[in-house]
Amino acid sequence: STAMAGPGVTAALSLAVGEGEQGLVAGLNASAQALGRMLGPVLGTGLYRLSPEAPYLLGAILLLVALLALPFLFRRARI
């Protein structure tokens, strides 16, 4: 949930960029979270209408992609 992960994500993002970019990164993070909260239910409902399993399948695929991307992101950003 955002309540648990939010502070860690915000801290990691602020440490990953310079002082001059922290406001931009914080704004992008907030925008991405808001967009997810708006589009998530709409997309989830559409997928559920196709098949009740579809939202879970998409979630599993996105999780797998994120886990596979982690080593590359950490190597490049050195968070």
N, C-alpha and C. Protein backbone atom coordinates (compact mmCIF):
# COMPACT_ATOMS: atom_id res chain seq x y z
N SER A 1 0.84 -1.19 0.00
CA SER A 1 0.00 0.00 0.00
C SER A 1 0.88 1.24 0.00
N THR A 2 0.31 2.34 -0.39
CA THR A 2 1.05 3.60 -0.43
C THR A 2 1.47 4.02 0.97
N ALA A 3 0.64 3.71 1.97
CA ALA A 3 0.98 4.11 3.34
C ALA A 3 2.25 3.43 3.82
N MET A 4 2.49 2.21 3.38
CA MET A 4 3.69 1.50 3.81
C MET A 4 4.88 1.78 2.91
N ALA A 5 4.68 1.79 1.61
CA ALA A 5 5.79 1.94 0.66
C ALA A 5 6.10 3.39 0.35
N GLY A 6 5.13 4.26 0.48
CA GLY A 6 5.29 5.65 0.08
C GLY A 6 6.50 6.37 0.65
N PRO A 7 6.71 6.34 1.97
CA PRO A 7 7.87 7.05 2.53
C PRO A 7 9.20 6.51 2.01
N GLY A 8 9.30 5.20 1.86
CA GLY A 8 10.54 4.61 1.34
C GLY A 8 10.79 4.98 -0.11
N VAL A 9 9.74 4.95 -0.90
CA VAL A 9 9.86 5.32 -2.32
C VAL A 9 10.24 6.79 -2.44
N THR A 10 9.59 7.64 -1.68
CA THR A 10 9.89 9.07 -1.72
C THR A 10 11.33 9.34 -1.31
N ALA A 11 11.79 8.68 -0.26
CA ALA A 11 13.17 8.85 0.19
C ALA A 11 14.16 8.36 -0.86
N ALA A 12 13.90 7.19 -1.43
CA ALA A 12 14.80 6.63 -2.44
C ALA A 12 14.87 7.54 -3.67
N LEU A 13 13.74 8.07 -4.08
CA LEU A 13 13.73 8.96 -5.24
C LEU A 13 14.50 10.24 -4.96
N SER A 14 14.35 10.79 -3.76
CA SER A 14 15.06 12.03 -3.45
C SER A 14 16.56 11.81 -3.37
N LEU A 15 16.98 10.62 -2.95
CA LEU A 15 18.41 10.32 -2.87
C LEU A 15 19.01 9.99 -4.24
N ALA A 16 18.17 9.61 -5.17
CA ALA A 16 18.65 9.19 -6.49
C ALA A 16 18.94 10.35 -7.43
N VAL A 17 18.49 11.56 -7.07
CA VAL A 17 18.69 12.72 -7.94
C VAL A 17 19.34 13.85 -7.14
N GLY A 18 19.82 14.83 -7.85
CA GLY A 18 20.43 15.99 -7.21
C GLY A 18 19.38 16.92 -6.61
N GLU A 19 19.87 17.90 -5.85
CA GLU A 19 18.96 18.84 -5.17
C GLU A 19 18.06 19.59 -6.16
N GLY A 20 18.59 19.93 -7.30
CA GLY A 20 17.83 20.69 -8.27
C GLY A 20 16.72 19.91 -8.96
N GLU A 21 16.77 18.58 -8.86
CA GLU A 21 15.76 17.75 -9.53
C GLU A 21 14.77 17.12 -8.57
N GLN A 22 14.94 17.33 -7.27
CA GLN A 22 14.08 16.66 -6.30
C GLN A 22 12.62 17.07 -6.42
N GLY A 23 12.35 18.33 -6.68
CA GLY A 23 10.97 18.79 -6.84
C GLY A 23 10.30 18.15 -8.05
N LEU A 24 11.05 18.09 -9.15
CA LEU A 24 10.52 17.47 -10.37
C LEU A 24 10.20 16.00 -10.13
N VAL A 25 11.12 15.28 -9.49
CA VAL A 25 10.92 13.85 -9.25
C VAL A 25 9.77 13.63 -8.28
N ALA A 26 9.66 14.47 -7.26
CA ALA A 26 8.54 14.34 -6.32
C ALA A 26 7.21 14.58 -7.03
N GLY A 27 7.18 15.56 -7.92
CA GLY A 27 5.95 15.83 -8.68
C GLY A 27 5.59 14.69 -9.61
N LEU A 28 6.59 14.13 -10.29
CA LEU A 28 6.34 12.99 -11.17
C LEU A 28 5.84 11.79 -10.38
N ASN A 29 6.41 11.56 -9.21
CA ASN A 29 5.98 10.46 -8.36
C ASN A 29 4.53 10.64 -7.94
N ALA A 30 4.18 11.84 -7.48
CA ALA A 30 2.80 12.10 -7.07
C ALA A 30 1.84 11.97 -8.24
N SER A 31 2.25 12.43 -9.41
CA SER A 31 1.40 12.32 -10.59
C SER A 31 1.18 10.87 -10.99
N ALA A 32 2.24 10.07 -10.94
CA ALA A 32 2.12 8.66 -11.29
C ALA A 32 1.20 7.93 -10.32
N GLN A 33 1.32 8.26 -9.03
CA GLN A 33 0.44 7.63 -8.04
C GLN A 33 -1.02 8.01 -8.27
N ALA A 34 -1.26 9.28 -8.54
CA ALA A 34 -2.64 9.74 -8.78
C ALA A 34 -3.21 9.10 -10.04
N LEU A 35 -2.39 9.01 -11.08
CA LEU A 35 -2.84 8.39 -12.32
C LEU A 35 -3.19 6.92 -12.10
N GLY A 36 -2.38 6.24 -11.31
CA GLY A 36 -2.66 4.84 -10.99
C GLY A 36 -3.95 4.67 -10.21
N ARG A 37 -4.19 5.60 -9.27
CA ARG A 37 -5.44 5.52 -8.49
C ARG A 37 -6.66 5.82 -9.34
N MET A 38 -6.49 6.61 -10.41
CA MET A 38 -7.62 6.92 -11.29
C MET A 38 -7.85 5.82 -12.33
N LEU A 39 -6.78 5.41 -12.98
CA LEU A 39 -6.91 4.46 -14.09
C LEU A 39 -7.01 3.01 -13.64
N GLY A 40 -6.44 2.69 -12.49
CA GLY A 40 -6.46 1.31 -12.01
C GLY A 40 -7.85 0.71 -11.93
N PRO A 41 -8.78 1.35 -11.25
CA PRO A 41 -10.13 0.79 -11.17
C PRO A 41 -10.83 0.69 -12.53
N VAL A 42 -10.61 1.68 -13.39
CA VAL A 42 -11.24 1.65 -14.71
C VAL A 42 -10.70 0.49 -15.53
N LEU A 43 -9.37 0.36 -15.57
CA LEU A 43 -8.78 -0.75 -16.32
C LEU A 43 -9.13 -2.10 -15.70
N GLY A 44 -9.11 -2.15 -14.38
CA GLY A 44 -9.45 -3.40 -13.70
C GLY A 44 -10.87 -3.85 -13.99
N THR A 45 -11.79 -2.89 -14.01
CA THR A 45 -13.18 -3.22 -14.32
C THR A 45 -13.32 -3.73 -15.75
N GLY A 46 -12.65 -3.06 -16.68
CA GLY A 46 -12.69 -3.51 -18.07
C GLY A 46 -12.12 -4.90 -18.24
N LEU A 47 -11.01 -5.16 -17.58
CA LEU A 47 -10.41 -6.50 -17.66
C LEU A 47 -11.33 -7.55 -17.02
N TYR A 48 -11.94 -7.19 -15.90
CA TYR A 48 -12.82 -8.13 -15.21
C TYR A 48 -14.02 -8.50 -16.07
N ARG A 49 -14.49 -7.55 -16.87
CA ARG A 49 -15.61 -7.85 -17.77
C ARG A 49 -15.21 -8.88 -18.82
N LEU A 50 -13.93 -8.84 -19.23
CA LEU A 50 -13.44 -9.85 -20.17
C LEU A 50 -13.36 -11.22 -19.51
N SER A 51 -12.78 -11.22 -18.31
CA SER A 51 -12.61 -12.46 -17.56
C SER A 51 -12.30 -12.09 -16.12
N PRO A 52 -12.92 -12.75 -15.15
CA PRO A 52 -12.63 -12.44 -13.75
C PRO A 52 -11.16 -12.66 -13.36
N GLU A 53 -10.46 -13.50 -14.11
CA GLU A 53 -9.05 -13.76 -13.81
C GLU A 53 -8.11 -12.74 -14.45
N ALA A 54 -8.58 -11.98 -15.43
CA ALA A 54 -7.73 -11.09 -16.21
C ALA A 54 -7.00 -10.03 -15.37
N PRO A 55 -7.65 -9.36 -14.41
CA PRO A 55 -6.90 -8.37 -13.63
C PRO A 55 -5.75 -8.99 -12.83
N TYR A 56 -5.98 -10.19 -12.33
CA TYR A 56 -4.93 -10.87 -11.57
C TYR A 56 -3.78 -11.30 -12.47
N LEU A 57 -4.11 -11.74 -13.66
CA LEU A 57 -3.08 -12.14 -14.62
C LEU A 57 -2.24 -10.93 -15.03
N LEU A 58 -2.88 -9.81 -15.31
CA LEU A 58 -2.13 -8.60 -15.66
C LEU A 58 -1.26 -8.16 -14.48
N GLY A 59 -1.79 -8.22 -13.28
CA GLY A 59 -1.00 -7.86 -12.10
C GLY A 59 0.22 -8.75 -11.94
N ALA A 60 0.06 -10.04 -12.18
CA ALA A 60 1.19 -10.97 -12.08
C ALA A 60 2.23 -10.68 -13.16
N ILE A 61 1.78 -10.37 -14.35
CA ILE A 61 2.72 -10.06 -15.45
C ILE A 61 3.49 -8.78 -15.13
N LEU A 62 2.79 -7.75 -14.66
CA LEU A 62 3.46 -6.49 -14.33
C LEU A 62 4.44 -6.67 -13.17
N LEU A 63 4.08 -7.48 -12.19
CA LEU A 63 5.00 -7.77 -11.09
C LEU A 63 6.25 -8.47 -11.59
N LEU A 64 6.08 -9.44 -12.47
CA LEU A 64 7.23 -10.16 -13.03
C LEU A 64 8.14 -9.21 -13.81
N VAL A 65 7.56 -8.34 -14.61
CA VAL A 65 8.35 -7.37 -15.37
C VAL A 65 9.12 -6.45 -14.41
N ALA A 66 8.46 -5.99 -13.36
CA ALA A 66 9.12 -5.11 -12.39
C ALA A 66 10.26 -5.83 -11.69
N LEU A 67 10.05 -7.08 -11.30
CA LEU A 67 11.10 -7.84 -10.63
C LEU A 67 12.29 -8.09 -11.55
N LEU A 68 12.01 -8.35 -12.82
CA LEU A 68 13.10 -8.56 -13.78
C LEU A 68 13.87 -7.27 -14.05
N ALA A 69 13.20 -6.12 -13.94
CA ALA A 69 13.85 -4.84 -14.20
C ALA A 69 14.68 -4.34 -13.02
N LEU A 70 14.39 -4.82 -11.82
CA LEU A 70 15.07 -4.30 -10.63
C LEU A 70 16.60 -4.35 -10.71
N PRO A 71 17.21 -5.46 -11.08
CA PRO A 71 18.68 -5.47 -11.10
C PRO A 71 19.27 -4.41 -12.03
N PHE A 72 18.63 -4.16 -13.15
CA PHE A 72 19.13 -3.16 -14.09
C PHE A 72 18.94 -1.75 -13.54
N LEU A 73 17.83 -1.51 -12.87
CA LEU A 73 17.58 -0.18 -12.32
C LEU A 73 18.53 0.13 -11.18
N PHE A 74 18.76 -0.84 -10.30
CA PHE A 74 19.65 -0.61 -9.17
C PHE A 74 21.09 -0.45 -9.63
N ARG A 75 21.48 -1.18 -10.64
CA ARG A 75 22.84 -1.08 -11.15
C ARG A 75 23.10 0.31 -11.73
N ARG A 76 22.11 0.85 -12.45
CA ARG A 76 22.28 2.14 -13.12
C ARG A 76 22.11 3.30 -12.14
N ALA A 77 21.09 3.25 -11.28
CA ALA A 77 20.80 4.38 -10.39
C ALA A 77 21.63 4.35 -9.11
N ARG A 78 22.06 3.19 -8.70
CA ARG A 78 22.82 3.00 -7.45
C ARG A 78 22.10 3.60 -6.27
N ILE A 79 20.84 3.20 -6.10
CA ILE A 79 20.03 3.69 -4.98
C ILE A 79 20.47 2.97 -3.72
